[in-house]
Amino acid sequence: MSQTGPVYLRWRPTGAPAPEMERFDDLDAALDAVEQRWESLRDHAPQILDARRVLLLSTEQLRGEFDAAPQA
């Protein structure tokens, strides 16, 4: 899954009035970051957005990807 960037990871920290946003060069880099930090991000409504800030991957899609049972 390759999408030229930039792409953004957006999440809402507990109690924060506004979401946090982090920029990545491409979709693969953003997905790698989500995978590495999934345990801390999973309950903070993470989303991945394209350069125009249009939703690419919703929280539910990310949960489906990273909460899935490990493949053997």
Protein backbone atom coordinates (compact mmCIF):
# COMPACT_ATOMS: atom_id res chain seq x y z
CA MET A 1 0.00 0.00 0.00
CA SER A 2 1.91 3.00 -1.20
CA GLN A 3 0.59 6.55 -1.19
CA THR A 4 2.83 9.47 -1.91
CA GLY A 5 2.86 12.04 0.81
CA PRO A 6 2.72 13.77 2.83
CA VAL A 7 0.25 11.83 4.93
CA TYR A 8 -0.81 12.61 8.47
CA LEU A 9 -1.52 10.57 11.55
CA ARG A 10 -4.17 12.24 13.71
CA TRP A 11 -5.24 11.14 17.19
CA ARG A 12 -6.89 12.70 20.22
CA PRO A 13 -4.94 12.38 23.49
CA THR A 14 -7.06 11.86 26.60
CA GLY A 15 -8.48 15.15 27.80
CA ALA A 16 -6.97 17.16 24.95
CA PRO A 17 -9.18 19.90 23.47
CA ALA A 18 -7.82 19.30 19.95
CA PRO A 19 -6.30 16.33 18.13
CA GLU A 20 -2.56 15.89 17.68
CA MET A 21 -1.20 15.49 14.16
CA GLU A 22 2.07 14.04 12.92
CA ARG A 23 3.39 14.30 9.33
CA PHE A 24 5.00 11.44 7.38
CA ASP A 25 6.58 11.32 3.93
CA ASP A 26 4.32 8.50 2.74
CA LEU A 27 1.61 6.07 3.82
CA ASP A 28 4.06 3.25 4.52
CA ALA A 29 5.96 5.38 7.04
CA ALA A 30 2.71 6.39 8.76
CA LEU A 31 1.55 2.76 8.99
CA ASP A 32 4.92 1.72 10.41
CA ALA A 33 4.59 4.40 13.10
CA VAL A 34 1.05 3.31 13.95
CA GLU A 35 2.13 -0.32 14.18
CA GLN A 36 5.00 0.53 16.53
CA ARG A 37 2.81 2.69 18.78
CA TRP A 38 -0.49 0.82 18.45
CA GLU A 39 -0.83 -0.05 22.14
CA SER A 40 -0.71 3.63 23.11
CA LEU A 41 -2.72 4.91 20.10
CA ARG A 42 -5.54 2.38 19.93
CA ASP A 43 -7.83 4.14 22.42
CA HIS A 44 -7.18 7.66 21.05
CA ALA A 45 -9.16 7.48 17.77
CA PRO A 46 -6.17 7.33 15.38
CA GLN A 47 -6.79 8.16 11.73
CA ILE A 48 -4.56 8.52 8.68
CA LEU A 49 -5.20 11.46 6.36
CA ASP A 50 -3.85 12.41 2.94
CA ALA A 51 -2.08 15.66 2.04
CA ARG A 52 -5.43 17.50 1.80
CA ARG A 53 -6.39 16.12 5.24
CA VAL A 54 -8.96 13.77 3.68
CA LEU A 55 -9.48 10.52 5.58
CA LEU A 56 -7.56 7.56 4.12
CA LEU A 57 -7.83 5.06 6.98
CA SER A 58 -10.37 5.33 9.77
CA THR A 59 -9.98 4.26 13.37
CA GLU A 60 -12.06 1.14 12.66
CA GLN A 61 -9.90 0.21 9.66
CA LEU A 62 -6.75 0.59 11.74
CA ARG A 63 -8.27 -1.52 14.52
CA GLY A 64 -9.14 -4.18 11.97
CA GLU A 65 -5.54 -4.20 10.77
CA PHE A 66 -3.65 -4.01 14.06
CA ASP A 67 -6.03 -5.82 16.42
CA ALA A 68 -6.31 -8.81 14.08
CA ALA A 69 -4.88 -12.10 15.23
CA PRO A 70 -1.22 -12.56 14.27
CA GLN A 71 -0.72 -14.61 11.13
CA ALA A 72 1.36 -17.76 11.40
